[in-house]
Protein backbone atom coordinates (compact mmCIF):
# COMPACT_ATOMS: atom_id res chain seq x y z
CA MET A 1 37.40 22.16 25.37
CA THR A 2 40.77 21.39 23.62
CA ALA A 3 41.73 22.73 19.94
CA GLY A 4 42.08 19.48 18.52
CA GLY A 5 39.35 17.41 20.71
CA PRO A 6 35.75 16.66 18.85
CA ASP A 7 33.62 19.74 18.02
CA PRO A 8 29.93 18.40 19.68
CA LEU A 9 27.92 20.92 18.26
CA LYS A 10 29.84 20.25 14.71
CA ASP A 11 28.76 16.58 15.09
CA ALA A 12 25.01 17.85 15.74
CA ARG A 13 25.07 19.94 13.30
CA ASP A 14 26.31 17.41 10.57
CA LEU A 15 23.96 14.63 11.85
CA GLN A 16 20.83 16.91 11.13
CA VAL A 17 21.84 17.90 7.48
CA ARG A 18 21.89 14.44 7.39
CA VAL A 19 18.76 13.28 8.46
CA ARG A 20 17.02 16.22 6.38
CA ALA A 21 19.11 14.61 3.07
CA LEU A 22 17.62 10.79 4.11
CA GLN A 23 14.27 12.40 4.69
CA ALA A 24 14.54 14.03 1.63
CA LEU A 25 15.16 10.30 -0.36
CA LEU A 26 12.77 9.12 1.69
CA GLU A 27 9.85 11.36 0.32
CA LEU A 28 10.90 11.02 -3.10
CA GLN A 29 10.98 7.26 -2.86
CA ARG A 30 7.64 7.55 -1.41
CA TRP A 31 6.06 9.77 -4.10
CA GLN A 32 7.96 7.12 -6.68
CA ILE A 33 6.16 4.21 -5.18
CA GLU A 34 3.13 6.05 -5.38
CA ALA A 35 3.71 6.92 -9.22
CA LEU A 36 4.08 3.24 -9.60
CA SER A 37 0.88 2.23 -7.82
CA LYS A 38 -1.12 4.27 -9.86
CA ARG A 39 -0.11 2.94 -12.53
CA LEU A 40 0.23 -0.58 -11.81
CA TYR A 41 -3.20 -0.88 -10.18
CA SER A 42 -5.32 1.30 -12.85
CA SER A 43 -8.12 0.58 -14.04
CA GLU A 44 -7.12 1.16 -17.70
CA PRO A 45 -5.82 -1.33 -20.18
CA GLY A 46 -2.43 -0.34 -19.08
CA GLY A 47 -2.35 -0.61 -15.85
CA ILE A 48 -4.10 -3.81 -16.01
CA ALA A 49 -1.35 -5.45 -18.59
CA ALA A 50 1.00 -3.85 -16.43
CA ARG A 51 0.09 -6.10 -13.27
CA ARG A 52 -0.43 -8.81 -15.38
CA LEU A 53 3.04 -8.52 -16.84
CA LEU A 54 4.69 -7.82 -12.64
CA ASP A 55 2.38 -11.27 -11.50
CA LEU A 56 3.99 -13.36 -14.56
CA LYS A 57 7.84 -12.08 -13.44
CA ARG A 58 6.75 -13.34 -10.17
CA ARG A 59 5.76 -16.44 -10.72
CA GLU A 60 8.76 -16.88 -13.26
CA THR A 61 11.28 -15.84 -10.33
CA GLN A 62 9.76 -18.37 -7.52
CA THR A 63 9.59 -21.57 -9.97
CA ARG A 64 13.51 -21.14 -11.06
CA HIS A 65 14.05 -21.78 -6.85
CA LEU A 66 11.72 -25.00 -6.71
CA LYS A 67 13.38 -28.09 -7.76
CA PRO A 68 11.44 -30.94 -9.35
CA PRO A 69 10.28 -33.99 -6.75
CA VAL A 70 12.36 -37.26 -6.29
CA GLY A 71 11.08 -40.21 -6.85
CA MET A 72 11.60 -43.21 -4.38
CA ASN A 73 12.34 -45.34 -7.90
CA ASP A 74 14.09 -42.83 -9.91
CA PRO A 75 17.97 -43.18 -10.56
């Protein structure tokens, strides 16, 4: 190996550090999703209200993208 050449061992260590960081982020996101799911799908009144609000927002978003049909006789 030359003095200024690539260092595969250093590259492998850097990659390992990145993989560990990504695994930690993935675990954090998994925890966040579980916490949100517990709130949204709770049988308590707050959870039911949150689920209804989410459904309303989804429907609103879907209807924005739909265009009304144009009839044959429309100008």
